[in-house]
Amino acid sequence: MRTLYLAVGLSYIVTGLFVALLFVFVFRRRFSGHFWGAALVAIVGSFVGGLVDFFFDDLIRILTAINGVFNIFPPLIAASLLLTVFSYLSERKDEYGD
C-alpha cells in the first residue's frame, strides 16, 4: 500500500514539474524564484489537486481515471491555476520594484 502512495506522490511531483516547465519555458512566464519558484508552487498545486481528487472522488471517477488509480486532471488543473495566480503576482511585484 505504501508503494501506491509513493507512486501517486511521485506522479503529483512529476505533474507539477511538467506544468512548471511548460509555464516557464514554453509560455515564457516570469516568476519570483524563476523556475524553482514556479516548480515549488506547481508541486503544491498538484498536491492540492490531489486533495480535490480525494474529496470529490465519486464525481471525478465518473469523469475519467488513468488505469483506475491516478486521475491526472485535478493535479494538472490545480497546478496550472496556482501557477497562473503566482505569475500574476510575480509580474505585479516586478512593476513596483523589488
Protein backbone atom coordinates (compact mmCIF):
# COMPACT_ATOMS: atom_id res chain seq x y z
CA MET A 1 0.00 0.00 0.00
CA ARG A 2 2.91 2.35 0.71
CA THR A 3 4.19 1.88 -2.82
CA LEU A 4 0.82 3.06 -4.14
CA TYR A 5 1.05 6.27 -2.08
CA LEU A 6 4.66 6.74 -3.17
CA ALA A 7 3.73 6.27 -6.82
CA VAL A 8 0.84 8.74 -6.59
CA GLY A 9 3.01 11.28 -4.71
CA LEU A 10 5.76 10.98 -7.31
CA SER A 11 3.17 11.35 -10.05
CA TYR A 12 1.99 14.61 -8.46
CA ILE A 13 5.57 15.87 -8.25
CA VAL A 14 6.25 15.00 -11.89
CA THR A 15 2.97 16.63 -12.92
CA GLY A 16 3.91 19.81 -11.03
CA LEU A 17 7.37 19.87 -12.59
CA PHE A 18 5.88 19.39 -16.04
CA VAL A 19 3.47 22.28 -15.54
CA ALA A 20 6.32 24.48 -14.27
CA LEU A 21 8.45 23.60 -17.29
CA LEU A 22 5.54 24.36 -19.56
CA PHE A 23 4.84 27.76 -17.99
CA VAL A 24 8.48 28.86 -17.70
CA PHE A 25 10.00 27.61 -20.95
CA VAL A 26 7.07 27.31 -23.37
CA PHE A 27 4.73 30.12 -22.26
CA ARG A 28 7.71 32.29 -21.19
CA ARG A 29 6.03 33.44 -17.98
CA ARG A 30 8.13 35.18 -15.33
CA PHE A 31 8.03 34.05 -11.70
CA SER A 32 9.67 35.07 -8.48
CA GLY A 33 12.36 32.47 -7.94
CA HIS A 34 12.41 31.74 -11.68
CA PHE A 35 11.99 28.04 -12.49
CA TRP A 36 12.39 26.75 -8.92
CA GLY A 37 9.79 29.15 -7.56
CA ALA A 38 7.40 28.07 -10.28
CA ALA A 39 8.20 24.40 -9.64
CA LEU A 40 7.50 24.72 -5.92
CA VAL A 41 4.16 26.42 -6.50
CA ALA A 42 3.20 23.92 -9.21
CA ILE A 43 4.04 20.93 -6.99
CA VAL A 44 1.97 22.40 -4.15
CA GLY A 45 -0.84 22.99 -6.66
CA SER A 46 -0.55 19.43 -7.86
CA PHE A 47 -0.98 18.11 -4.33
CA VAL A 48 -3.93 20.47 -3.78
CA GLY A 49 -5.45 18.99 -6.91
CA GLY A 50 -4.83 15.56 -5.44
CA LEU A 51 -6.76 16.58 -2.33
CA VAL A 52 -9.60 17.78 -4.54
CA ASP A 53 -9.46 14.40 -6.23
CA PHE A 54 -9.62 12.68 -2.85
CA PHE A 55 -12.60 14.66 -1.55
CA PHE A 56 -14.60 14.66 -4.80
CA ASP A 57 -13.55 11.17 -5.84
CA ASP A 58 -17.02 9.93 -6.74
CA LEU A 59 -17.72 12.79 -9.11
CA ILE A 60 -14.28 12.75 -10.68
CA ARG A 61 -14.23 8.97 -11.07
CA ILE A 62 -17.26 9.28 -13.26
CA LEU A 63 -15.42 11.77 -15.45
CA THR A 64 -12.12 9.97 -16.03
CA ALA A 65 -9.27 7.99 -14.49
CA ILE A 66 -5.98 6.61 -15.75
CA ASN A 67 -5.79 2.87 -15.07
CA GLY A 68 -8.31 3.33 -12.27
CA VAL A 69 -5.59 4.62 -9.91
CA PHE A 70 -4.34 8.07 -10.88
CA ASN A 71 -6.52 10.88 -12.18
CA ILE A 72 -4.32 13.46 -13.86
CA PHE A 73 -6.83 16.25 -14.31
CA PRO A 74 -7.23 17.64 -10.75
CA PRO A 75 -3.48 17.99 -10.10
CA LEU A 76 -2.93 19.37 -13.59
CA ILE A 77 -5.71 21.93 -13.25
CA ALA A 78 -4.77 22.99 -9.72
CA ALA A 79 -1.06 23.30 -10.56
CA SER A 80 -1.88 25.39 -13.63
CA LEU A 81 -4.28 27.59 -11.68
CA LEU A 82 -1.83 28.21 -8.86
CA LEU A 83 0.97 28.97 -11.32
CA THR A 84 -1.24 31.43 -13.17
CA VAL A 85 -2.01 33.29 -9.94
CA PHE A 86 1.66 33.15 -8.89
CA SER A 87 2.75 34.50 -12.27
CA TYR A 88 0.29 37.37 -11.98
CA LEU A 89 1.54 38.23 -8.50
CA SER A 90 5.17 37.96 -9.63
CA GLU A 91 4.57 40.36 -12.51
CA ARG A 92 2.86 42.81 -10.17
CA LYS A 93 5.88 42.66 -7.86
CA ASP A 94 8.19 43.45 -10.80
CA GLU A 95 6.12 46.52 -11.67
CA TYR A 96 6.60 48.06 -8.24
CA GLY A 97 10.24 47.07 -7.79
CA ASP A 98 11.92 44.58 -5.53
